[in-house]
Amino acid sequence: MLYKLLSILSLLISPVLSWGPQGHIAVANVAQSLISSNTYNSISGLIPNGNMSSVANWADEVRTLPEWKWSAPLHFINTPSWNCSYIRERDCYNDANNFLYCVDGAIQNYTNLLYSSPEPDYLKFLIHFVGDIHQPLHCGFIGDRGGNDIIGHFYDKKTNLHSVWDSGIIEKRLQTDFSYSPILWQDYIIKNIVPNIGKDKCINCSSLWGEESIVNACDYSYVDADKNKIQNDFKLGDSYYKRVINIVEKQIAKASVRLANLLNFIYS
């Protein structure tokens, strides 16, 4: 396939702890609480029971299949190391040098496609990619593949820095404060963080969302609690976790609000 340029029942899903699975489910469920009835009715014709969390991880599940491998570069943005900015004209390319072949371009593409043609895959991609662009290391440095090549320990688990942000921080939050319950955690985000996000004046400003994420990556993801650059053999624990957990939850809330606003605009 060519890349074209142009109800909370799901909360009972078993907690595979990972922005990664659990982060994407959170974005979808929080957004679900914010969409209009008209939006819900419209997406109910595209995905089972209009349940966004049931398809929130579909794009990750298919990306390694031969017929979907073309979509893998659409999950991230590569930026120059320690430049700490995102410029679409500089950074939104795949290895074949195709422009707009990054998560920012994908959001623009599938917004336009979904607006003009109600295809389930367009909606599933859009739900997922709005989540991806708000994970700071999905807009990380090309030199370390968004932290994937920086190996160390988060508490006592050997991992890489990207996985710390995909799953480790969220897992620690669920374990420490919510008795491993994604339901309680998502409810906390809805009640305590979403009200402080406000409404964006720009409905689909994915380039700005990418810029926010790389700034967060430079300020929080790539540096420890003493603001030293994180390198291989890192050992991160409480001081790092306590410094960044608010950023993780704020980014999930922003992704949810922006996804809901975008879908409400498309189906208004």
C-alpha atoms as a PDB file:
ATOM      1  CA  MET A   1       0.000   0.000   0.000  1.00  0.00           C
ATOM      2  CA  LEU A   2       1.324   3.425  -0.861  1.00  0.00           C
ATOM      3  CA  TYR A   3       1.415   6.277   1.575  1.00  0.00           C
ATOM      4  CA  LYS A   4      -1.037   8.866   0.235  1.00  0.00           C
ATOM      5  CA  LEU A   5      -0.033  12.486   0.524  1.00  0.00           C
ATOM      6  CA  LEU A   6      -2.937  14.515   0.161  1.00  0.00           C
ATOM      7  CA  SER A   7     -17.777   4.359  26.212  1.00  0.00           C
ATOM      8  CA  ILE A   8     -15.185   3.435  28.414  1.00  0.00           C
ATOM      9  CA  LEU A   9     -15.758  -0.319  28.363  1.00  0.00           C
ATOM     10  CA  SER A  10     -12.323  -0.589  26.839  1.00  0.00           C
ATOM     11  CA  LEU A  11     -10.823   0.436  30.163  1.00  0.00           C
ATOM     12  CA  LEU A  12     -11.217  -3.177  31.213  1.00  0.00           C
ATOM     13  CA  ILE A  13      -8.493  -4.234  28.787  1.00  0.00           C
ATOM     14  CA  SER A  14      -5.761  -6.064  30.687  1.00  0.00           C
ATOM     15  CA  PRO A  15      -2.906  -3.703  31.570  1.00  0.00           C
ATOM     16  CA  VAL A  16      -0.021  -4.400  29.221  1.00  0.00           C
ATOM     17  CA  LEU A  17       2.056  -1.652  30.762  1.00  0.00           C
ATOM     18  CA  SER A  18       3.402   0.366  28.052  1.00  0.00           C
ATOM     19  CA  TRP A  19       3.019   4.881  25.184  1.00  0.00           C
ATOM     20  CA  GLY A  20       3.458   1.777  24.167  1.00  0.00           C
ATOM     21  CA  PRO A  21       0.067   0.117  24.712  1.00  0.00           C
ATOM     22  CA  GLN A  22      -0.944   1.697  28.010  1.00  0.00           C
ATOM     23  CA  GLY A  23      -0.039   5.250  27.025  1.00  0.00           C
ATOM     24  CA  HIS A  24      -1.988   5.022  23.772  1.00  0.00           C
ATOM     25  CA  ILE A  25      -4.975   3.498  25.548  1.00  0.00           C
ATOM     26  CA  ALA A  26      -4.902   6.400  28.017  1.00  0.00           C
ATOM     27  CA  VAL A  27      -4.816   8.997  25.236  1.00  0.00           C
ATOM     28  CA  ALA A  28      -7.735   7.309  23.498  1.00  0.00           C
ATOM     29  CA  ASN A  29      -9.879   6.894  26.600  1.00  0.00           C
ATOM     30  CA  VAL A  30      -9.329  10.415  27.874  1.00  0.00           C
ATOM     31  CA  ALA A  31     -10.119  11.754  24.389  1.00  0.00           C
ATOM     32  CA  GLN A  32     -13.218   9.537  24.342  1.00  0.00           C
ATOM     33  CA  SER A  33     -14.538  11.479  27.325  1.00  0.00           C
ATOM     34  CA  LEU A  34     -14.142  14.750  25.392  1.00  0.00           C
ATOM     35  CA  ILE A  35     -15.641  14.025  21.973  1.00  0.00           C
ATOM     36  CA  SER A  36     -19.090  15.240  20.994  1.00  0.00           C
ATOM     37  CA  SER A  37     -22.053  12.932  20.514  1.00  0.00           C
ATOM     38  CA  ASN A  38     -21.933  13.666  16.792  1.00  0.00           C
ATOM     39  CA  THR A  39     -18.289  12.611  16.672  1.00  0.00           C
ATOM     40  CA  TYR A  40     -19.070   9.449  18.607  1.00  0.00           C
ATOM     41  CA  ASN A  41     -21.891   8.564  16.242  1.00  0.00           C
ATOM     42  CA  SER A  42     -19.647   9.157  13.235  1.00  0.00           C
ATOM     43  CA  ILE A  43     -16.702   7.069  14.429  1.00  0.00           C
ATOM     44  CA  SER A  44     -19.051   4.292  15.552  1.00  0.00           C
ATOM     45  CA  GLY A  45     -19.489   3.513  11.874  1.00  0.00           C
ATOM     46  CA  LEU A  46     -15.722   3.069  11.473  1.00  0.00           C
ATOM     47  CA  ILE A  47     -14.475   1.268  14.597  1.00  0.00           C
ATOM     48  CA  PRO A  48     -16.184  -1.218  16.943  1.00  0.00           C
ATOM     49  CA  ASN A  49     -18.710   0.556  19.185  1.00  0.00           C
ATOM     50  CA  GLY A  50     -16.971   3.875  18.530  1.00  0.00           C
ATOM     51  CA  ASN A  51     -14.360   2.718  21.052  1.00  0.00           C
ATOM     52  CA  MET A  52     -11.083   4.496  20.269  1.00  0.00           C
ATOM     53  CA  SER A  53      -8.978   2.560  22.765  1.00  0.00           C
ATOM     54  CA  SER A  54      -9.822  -0.700  20.990  1.00  0.00           C
ATOM     55  CA  VAL A  55      -7.821   0.512  17.970  1.00  0.00           C
ATOM     56  CA  ALA A  56      -5.327   2.837  19.666  1.00  0.00           C
ATOM     57  CA  ASN A  57      -2.440   0.380  19.252  1.00  0.00           C
ATOM     58  CA  TRP A  58      -3.404  -0.998  15.839  1.00  0.00           C
ATOM     59  CA  ALA A  59      -0.730   1.049  14.038  1.00  0.00           C
ATOM     60  CA  ASP A  60       1.978  -0.493  16.235  1.00  0.00           C
ATOM     61  CA  GLU A  61       0.549  -3.975  15.841  1.00  0.00           C
ATOM     62  CA  VAL A  62       0.697  -3.898  12.017  1.00  0.00           C
ATOM     63  CA  ARG A  63       3.872  -1.889  11.401  1.00  0.00           C
ATOM     64  CA  THR A  64       6.142  -4.948  11.301  1.00  0.00           C
ATOM     65  CA  LEU A  65       3.922  -6.897   8.897  1.00  0.00           C
ATOM     66  CA  PRO A  66       5.284  -6.971   5.336  1.00  0.00           C
ATOM     67  CA  GLU A  67       2.299  -5.154   3.856  1.00  0.00           C
ATOM     68  CA  TRP A  68       2.519  -2.358   6.440  1.00  0.00           C
ATOM     69  CA  LYS A  69       6.277  -1.843   6.799  1.00  0.00           C
ATOM     70  CA  TRP A  70       5.987   1.349   4.744  1.00  0.00           C
ATOM     71  CA  SER A  71       4.218   2.926   7.739  1.00  0.00           C
ATOM     72  CA  ALA A  72       7.070   2.473  10.251  1.00  0.00           C
ATOM     73  CA  PRO A  73       8.727   5.901   9.631  1.00  0.00           C
ATOM     74  CA  LEU A  74       5.389   7.626  10.246  1.00  0.00           C
ATOM     75  CA  HIS A  75       5.622   7.001  13.998  1.00  0.00           C
ATOM     76  CA  PHE A  76       8.430   9.451  14.739  1.00  0.00           C
ATOM     77  CA  ILE A  77      10.466  12.526  13.823  1.00  0.00           C
ATOM     78  CA  ASN A  78      14.270  12.526  13.649  1.00  0.00           C
ATOM     79  CA  THR A  79      15.898  15.787  14.742  1.00  0.00           C
ATOM     80  CA  PRO A  80      19.565  16.821  14.875  1.00  0.00           C
ATOM     81  CA  SER A  81      21.194  15.933  18.194  1.00  0.00           C
ATOM     82  CA  TRP A  82      20.965  18.754  20.741  1.00  0.00           C
ATOM     83  CA  ASN A  83      19.563  21.212  18.218  1.00  0.00           C
ATOM     84  CA  CYS A  84      16.374  21.029  20.303  1.00  0.00           C
ATOM     85  CA  SER A  85      14.055  22.237  17.566  1.00  0.00           C
ATOM     86  CA  TYR A  86      11.798  20.705  14.947  1.00  0.00           C
ATOM     87  CA  ILE A  87      11.618  22.217  11.482  1.00  0.00           C
ATOM     88  CA  ARG A  88       9.297  20.362   9.131  1.00  0.00           C
ATOM     89  CA  GLU A  89      11.244  21.259   5.989  1.00  0.00           C
ATOM     90  CA  ARG A  90      14.468  19.955   7.566  1.00  0.00           C
ATOM     91  CA  ASP A  91      13.321  16.963   9.602  1.00  0.00           C
ATOM     92  CA  CYS A  92      10.163  15.394   8.144  1.00  0.00           C
ATOM     93  CA  TYR A  93      11.695  12.859   5.747  1.00  0.00           C
ATOM     94  CA  ASN A  94      12.131   9.099   5.644  1.00  0.00           C
ATOM     95  CA  ASP A  95      15.314   7.262   4.642  1.00  0.00           C
ATOM     96  CA  ALA A  96      14.304   7.545   0.983  1.00  0.00           C
ATOM     97  CA  ASN A  97      14.145  11.344   1.383  1.00  0.00           C
ATOM     98  CA  ASN A  98      10.367  11.527   0.916  1.00  0.00           C
ATOM     99  CA  PHE A  99       9.029  14.774   2.379  1.00  0.00           C
ATOM    100  CA  LEU A 100       6.244  14.699   5.002  1.00  0.00           C
ATOM    101  CA  TYR A 101       7.128  11.095   5.798  1.00  0.00           C
ATOM    102  CA  CYS A 102       7.189  11.516   9.587  1.00  0.00           C
ATOM    103  CA  VAL A 103       4.595  11.602  12.362  1.00  0.00           C
ATOM    104  CA  ASP A 104       3.837  15.299  11.751  1.00  0.00           C
ATOM    105  CA  GLY A 105       3.241  14.680   8.053  1.00  0.00           C
ATOM    106  CA  ALA A 106       1.197  11.583   8.874  1.00  0.00           C
ATOM    107  CA  ILE A 107      -1.151  13.577  11.124  1.00  0.00           C
ATOM    108  CA  GLN A 108      -1.645  16.157   8.382  1.00  0.00           C
ATOM    109  CA  ASN A 109      -2.190  13.436   5.795  1.00  0.00           C
ATOM    110  CA  TYR A 110      -4.696  11.334   7.711  1.00  0.00           C
ATOM    111  CA  THR A 111      -6.593  14.377   8.935  1.00  0.00           C
ATOM    112  CA  ASN A 112      -7.153  15.416   5.319  1.00  0.00           C
ATOM    113  CA  LEU A 113      -7.966  11.884   4.208  1.00  0.00           C
ATOM    114  CA  LEU A 114     -10.418  11.277   7.052  1.00  0.00           C
ATOM    115  CA  TYR A 115     -12.090  14.628   6.415  1.00  0.00           C
ATOM    116  CA  SER A 116     -12.794  13.642   2.815  1.00  0.00           C
ATOM    117  CA  SER A 117     -13.234   9.868   3.089  1.00  0.00           C
ATOM    118  CA  PRO A 118     -14.501   7.884   6.112  1.00  0.00           C
ATOM    119  CA  GLU A 119     -12.053   4.978   6.035  1.00  0.00           C
ATOM    120  CA  PRO A 120     -11.415   3.027   9.281  1.00  0.00           C
ATOM    121  CA  ASP A 121      -7.653   2.838   8.732  1.00  0.00           C
ATOM    122  CA  TYR A 122      -7.408   6.621   8.436  1.00  0.00           C
ATOM    123  CA  LEU A 123      -9.068   7.015  11.825  1.00  0.00           C
ATOM    124  CA  LYS A 124      -6.931   4.310  13.434  1.00  0.00           C
ATOM    125  CA  PHE A 125      -3.739   5.917  12.181  1.00  0.00           C
ATOM    126  CA  LEU A 126      -4.821   9.362  13.344  1.00  0.00           C
ATOM    127  CA  ILE A 127      -5.684   8.177  16.865  1.00  0.00           C
ATOM    128  CA  HIS A 128      -2.286   6.535  17.183  1.00  0.00           C
ATOM    129  CA  PHE A 129      -0.124   9.227  15.609  1.00  0.00           C
ATOM    130  CA  VAL A 130      -1.553  12.039  17.742  1.00  0.00           C
ATOM    131  CA  GLY A 131      -0.430   9.970  20.709  1.00  0.00           C
ATOM    132  CA  ASP A 132       3.013   9.319  19.229  1.00  0.00           C
ATOM    133  CA  ILE A 133       3.882  12.938  18.527  1.00  0.00           C
ATOM    134  CA  HIS A 134       3.314  13.843  22.189  1.00  0.00           C
ATOM    135  CA  GLN A 135       5.847  11.283  23.457  1.00  0.00           C
ATOM    136  CA  PRO A 136       8.992  13.450  23.551  1.00  0.00           C
ATOM    137  CA  LEU A 137      11.371  10.745  22.367  1.00  0.00           C
ATOM    138  CA  HIS A 138       9.219  10.101  19.300  1.00  0.00           C
ATOM    139  CA  CYS A 139      10.627  13.482  18.276  1.00  0.00           C
ATOM    140  CA  GLY A 140      14.114  12.693  19.528  1.00  0.00           C
ATOM    141  CA  PHE A 141      17.630  12.708  18.121  1.00  0.00           C
ATOM    142  CA  ILE A 142      18.516  10.895  14.927  1.00  0.00           C
ATOM    143  CA  GLY A 143      21.922  10.013  16.395  1.00  0.00           C
ATOM    144  CA  ASP A 144      20.484   7.719  19.086  1.00  0.00           C
ATOM    145  CA  ARG A 145      17.178   6.853  17.371  1.00  0.00           C
ATOM    146  CA  GLY A 146      15.051   8.695  19.903  1.00  0.00           C
ATOM    147  CA  GLY A 147      16.868   7.194  22.864  1.00  0.00           C
ATOM    148  CA  ASN A 148      16.635   3.598  21.620  1.00  0.00           C
ATOM    149  CA  ASP A 149      20.430   3.327  21.478  1.00  0.00           C
ATOM    150  CA  ILE A 150      21.014   4.701  24.995  1.00  0.00           C
ATOM    151  CA  ILE A 151      21.108   1.609  27.230  1.00  0.00           C
ATOM    152  CA  GLY A 152      21.068   1.508  31.019  1.00  0.00           C
ATOM    153  CA  HIS A 153      18.843   0.822  34.028  1.00  0.00           C
ATOM    154  CA  PHE A 154      15.574   2.390  35.176  1.00  0.00           C
ATOM    155  CA  TYR A 155      15.444   1.311  38.806  1.00  0.00           C
ATOM    156  CA  ASP A 156      16.591  -2.310  38.622  1.00  0.00           C
ATOM    157  CA  LYS A 157      15.419  -3.038  35.067  1.00  0.00           C
ATOM    158  CA  LYS A 158      17.805  -3.016  32.129  1.00  0.00           C
ATOM    159  CA  THR A 159      16.222  -1.011  29.341  1.00  0.00           C
ATOM    160  CA  ASN A 160      16.784   1.827  26.910  1.00  0.00           C
ATOM    161  CA  LEU A 161      15.861   5.470  27.357  1.00  0.00           C
ATOM    162  CA  HIS A 162      13.090   5.349  24.773  1.00  0.00           C
ATOM    163  CA  SER A 163      11.427   2.457  26.592  1.00  0.00           C
ATOM    164  CA  VAL A 164      11.660   4.343  29.879  1.00  0.00           C
ATOM    165  CA  TRP A 165       9.392   6.976  28.318  1.00  0.00           C
ATOM    166  CA  ASP A 166       7.205   4.518  26.437  1.00  0.00           C
ATOM    167  CA  SER A 167       6.491   2.311  29.418  1.00  0.00           C
ATOM    168  CA  GLY A 168       8.799   2.521  32.438  1.00  0.00           C
ATOM    169  CA  ILE A 169       7.576   5.830  33.841  1.00  0.00           C
ATOM    170  CA  ILE A 170       3.920   4.928  33.308  1.00  0.00           C
ATOM    171  CA  GLU A 171       4.408   1.513  34.890  1.00  0.00           C
ATOM    172  CA  LYS A 172       6.067   3.109  37.924  1.00  0.00           C
ATOM    173  CA  ARG A 173       3.177   5.576  38.268  1.00  0.00           C
ATOM    174  CA  LEU A 174       0.561   2.829  38.126  1.00  0.00           C
ATOM    175  CA  GLN A 175       2.450   0.703  40.628  1.00  0.00           C
ATOM    176  CA  THR A 176       3.179   3.503  43.093  1.00  0.00           C
ATOM    177  CA  ASP A 177      -0.056   5.479  43.138  1.00  0.00           C
ATOM    178  CA  PHE A 178      -2.890   3.591  41.430  1.00  0.00           C
ATOM    179  CA  SER A 179      -2.577  -0.055  42.513  1.00  0.00           C
ATOM    180  CA  TYR A 180      -1.702  -1.017  38.915  1.00  0.00           C
ATOM    181  CA  SER A 181      -5.109   0.284  37.773  1.00  0.00           C
ATOM    182  CA  PRO A 182      -5.151   2.095  34.406  1.00  0.00           C
ATOM    183  CA  ILE A 183      -8.785   3.012  35.106  1.00  0.00           C
ATOM    184  CA  LEU A 184      -7.922   4.981  38.234  1.00  0.00           C
ATOM    185  CA  TRP A 185      -4.963   6.637  36.522  1.00  0.00           C
ATOM    186  CA  GLN A 186      -6.973   7.738  33.493  1.00  0.00           C
ATOM    187  CA  ASP A 187      -9.712   9.069  35.765  1.00  0.00           C
ATOM    188  CA  TYR A 188      -7.063  11.076  37.626  1.00  0.00           C
ATOM    189  CA  ILE A 189      -5.862  12.604  34.336  1.00  0.00           C
ATOM    190  CA  ILE A 190      -9.419  13.483  33.288  1.00  0.00           C
ATOM    191  CA  LYS A 191     -10.242  15.154  36.608  1.00  0.00           C
ATOM    192  CA  ASN A 192      -6.946  16.777  37.544  1.00  0.00           C
ATOM    193  CA  ILE A 193      -4.870  17.482  34.437  1.00  0.00           C
ATOM    194  CA  VAL A 194      -7.223  17.905  31.483  1.00  0.00           C
ATOM    195  CA  PRO A 195      -9.007  20.924  33.039  1.00  0.00           C
ATOM    196  CA  ASN A 196      -5.673  22.756  33.132  1.00  0.00           C
ATOM    197  CA  ILE A 197      -4.852  22.135  29.470  1.00  0.00           C
ATOM    198  CA  GLY A 198      -7.412  24.452  27.945  1.00  0.00           C
ATOM    199  CA  LYS A 199      -8.410  24.550  24.301  1.00  0.00           C
ATOM    200  CA  ASP A 200      -5.884  25.081  21.530  1.00  0.00           C
ATOM    201  CA  LYS A 201      -6.745  27.884  19.133  1.00  0.00           C
ATOM    202  CA  CYS A 202      -5.127  25.867  16.362  1.00  0.00           C
ATOM    203  CA  ILE A 203      -6.976  22.620  15.719  1.00  0.00           C
ATOM    204  CA  ASN A 204      -4.314  20.769  13.746  1.00  0.00           C
ATOM    205  CA  CYS A 205      -0.914  22.279  14.492  1.00  0.00           C
ATOM    206  CA  SER A 206       1.075  19.072  14.502  1.00  0.00           C
ATOM    207  CA  SER A 207       4.317  20.863  13.627  1.00  0.00           C
ATOM    208  CA  LEU A 208       3.962  22.853  16.855  1.00  0.00           C
ATOM    209  CA  TRP A 209       3.220  19.650  18.773  1.00  0.00           C
ATOM    210  CA  GLY A 210       6.448  18.190  17.412  1.00  0.00           C
ATOM    211  CA  GLU A 211       8.330  21.302  18.486  1.00  0.00           C
ATOM    212  CA  GLU A 212       6.904  21.006  21.999  1.00  0.00           C
ATOM    213  CA  SER A 213       7.999  17.390  22.185  1.00  0.00           C
ATOM    214  CA  ILE A 214      11.617  17.920  21.143  1.00  0.00           C
ATOM    215  CA  VAL A 215      11.915  20.785  23.634  1.00  0.00           C
ATOM    216  CA  ASN A 216      10.593  18.447  26.347  1.00  0.00           C
ATOM    217  CA  ALA A 217      13.022  15.776  25.190  1.00  0.00           C
ATOM    218  CA  CYS A 218      15.967  18.162  25.565  1.00  0.00           C
ATOM    219  CA  ASP A 219      14.784  19.601  28.879  1.00  0.00           C
ATOM    220  CA  TYR A 220      13.606  16.379  30.527  1.00  0.00           C
ATOM    221  CA  SER A 221      14.057  13.102  28.627  1.00  0.00           C
ATOM    222  CA  TYR A 222      17.737  13.390  27.748  1.00  0.00           C
ATOM    223  CA  VAL A 223      18.978  14.843  31.045  1.00  0.00           C
ATOM    224  CA  ASP A 224      18.967  13.474  34.573  1.00  0.00           C
ATOM    225  CA  ALA A 225      17.747  15.222  37.723  1.00  0.00           C
ATOM    226  CA  ASP A 226      21.027  17.172  37.884  1.00  0.00           C
ATOM    227  CA  LYS A 227      20.598  18.165  34.216  1.00  0.00           C
ATOM    228  CA  ASN A 228      23.517  16.030  33.080  1.00  0.00           C
ATOM    229  CA  LYS A 229      23.178  14.440  29.648  1.00  0.00           C
ATOM    230  CA  ILE A 230      22.087  10.808  29.940  1.00  0.00           C
ATOM    231  CA  GLN A 231      24.526   8.365  28.372  1.00  0.00           C
ATOM    232  CA  ASN A 232      24.977   4.600  28.069  1.00  0.00           C
ATOM    233  CA  ASP A 233      25.074   2.701  31.364  1.00  0.00           C
ATOM    234  CA  PHE A 234      22.674   5.214  32.919  1.00  0.00           C
ATOM    235  CA  LYS A 235      21.117   4.481  36.291  1.00  0.00           C
ATOM    236  CA  LEU A 236      17.849   6.357  36.724  1.00  0.00           C
ATOM    237  CA  GLY A 237      15.501   6.120  39.690  1.00  0.00           C
ATOM    238  CA  ASP A 238      13.384   8.248  42.007  1.00  0.00           C
ATOM    239  CA  SER A 239      15.005  11.614  41.314  1.00  0.00           C
ATOM    240  CA  TYR A 240      14.492  11.236  37.557  1.00  0.00           C
ATOM    241  CA  TYR A 241      11.003   9.775  37.888  1.00  0.00           C
ATOM    242  CA  LYS A 242       9.786  12.541  40.206  1.00  0.00           C
ATOM    243  CA  ARG A 243      11.151  15.209  37.887  1.00  0.00           C
ATOM    244  CA  VAL A 244       9.467  13.900  34.731  1.00  0.00           C
ATOM    245  CA  ILE A 245       6.189  12.225  35.731  1.00  0.00           C
ATOM    246  CA  ASN A 246       4.275  15.505  35.500  1.00  0.00           C
ATOM    247  CA  ILE A 247       5.594  15.998  31.966  1.00  0.00           C
ATOM    248  CA  VAL A 248       4.469  12.514  30.928  1.00  0.00           C
ATOM    249  CA  GLU A 249       0.956  13.056  32.262  1.00  0.00           C
ATOM    250  CA  LYS A 250       0.696  16.555  30.834  1.00  0.00           C
ATOM    251  CA  GLN A 251       1.705  15.270  27.401  1.00  0.00           C
ATOM    252  CA  ILE A 252      -0.884  12.496  27.577  1.00  0.00           C
ATOM    253  CA  ALA A 253      -3.551  15.027  28.555  1.00  0.00           C
ATOM    254  CA  LYS A 254      -2.524  17.370  25.728  1.00  0.00           C
ATOM    255  CA  ALA A 255      -2.641  14.518  23.228  1.00  0.00           C
ATOM    256  CA  SER A 256      -6.128  13.596  24.427  1.00  0.00           C
ATOM    257  CA  VAL A 257      -7.500  17.133  24.260  1.00  0.00           C
ATOM    258  CA  ARG A 258      -5.970  17.751  20.853  1.00  0.00           C
ATOM    259  CA  LEU A 259      -7.201  14.435  19.447  1.00  0.00           C
ATOM    260  CA  ALA A 260     -10.735  15.157  20.679  1.00  0.00           C
ATOM    261  CA  ASN A 261     -10.629  18.700  19.264  1.00  0.00           C
ATOM    262  CA  LEU A 262      -9.375  17.408  15.933  1.00  0.00           C
ATOM    263  CA  LEU A 263     -12.059  14.726  15.641  1.00  0.00           C
ATOM    264  CA  ASN A 264     -14.792  17.130  16.746  1.00  0.00           C
ATOM    265  CA  PHE A 265     -13.629  19.516  14.010  1.00  0.00           C
ATOM    266  CA  ILE A 266     -13.632  16.793  11.346  1.00  0.00           C
ATOM    267  CA  TYR A 267     -17.132  15.635  12.297  1.00  0.00           C
ATOM    268  CA  SER A 268     -18.668  19.008  13.126  1.00  0.00           C
END
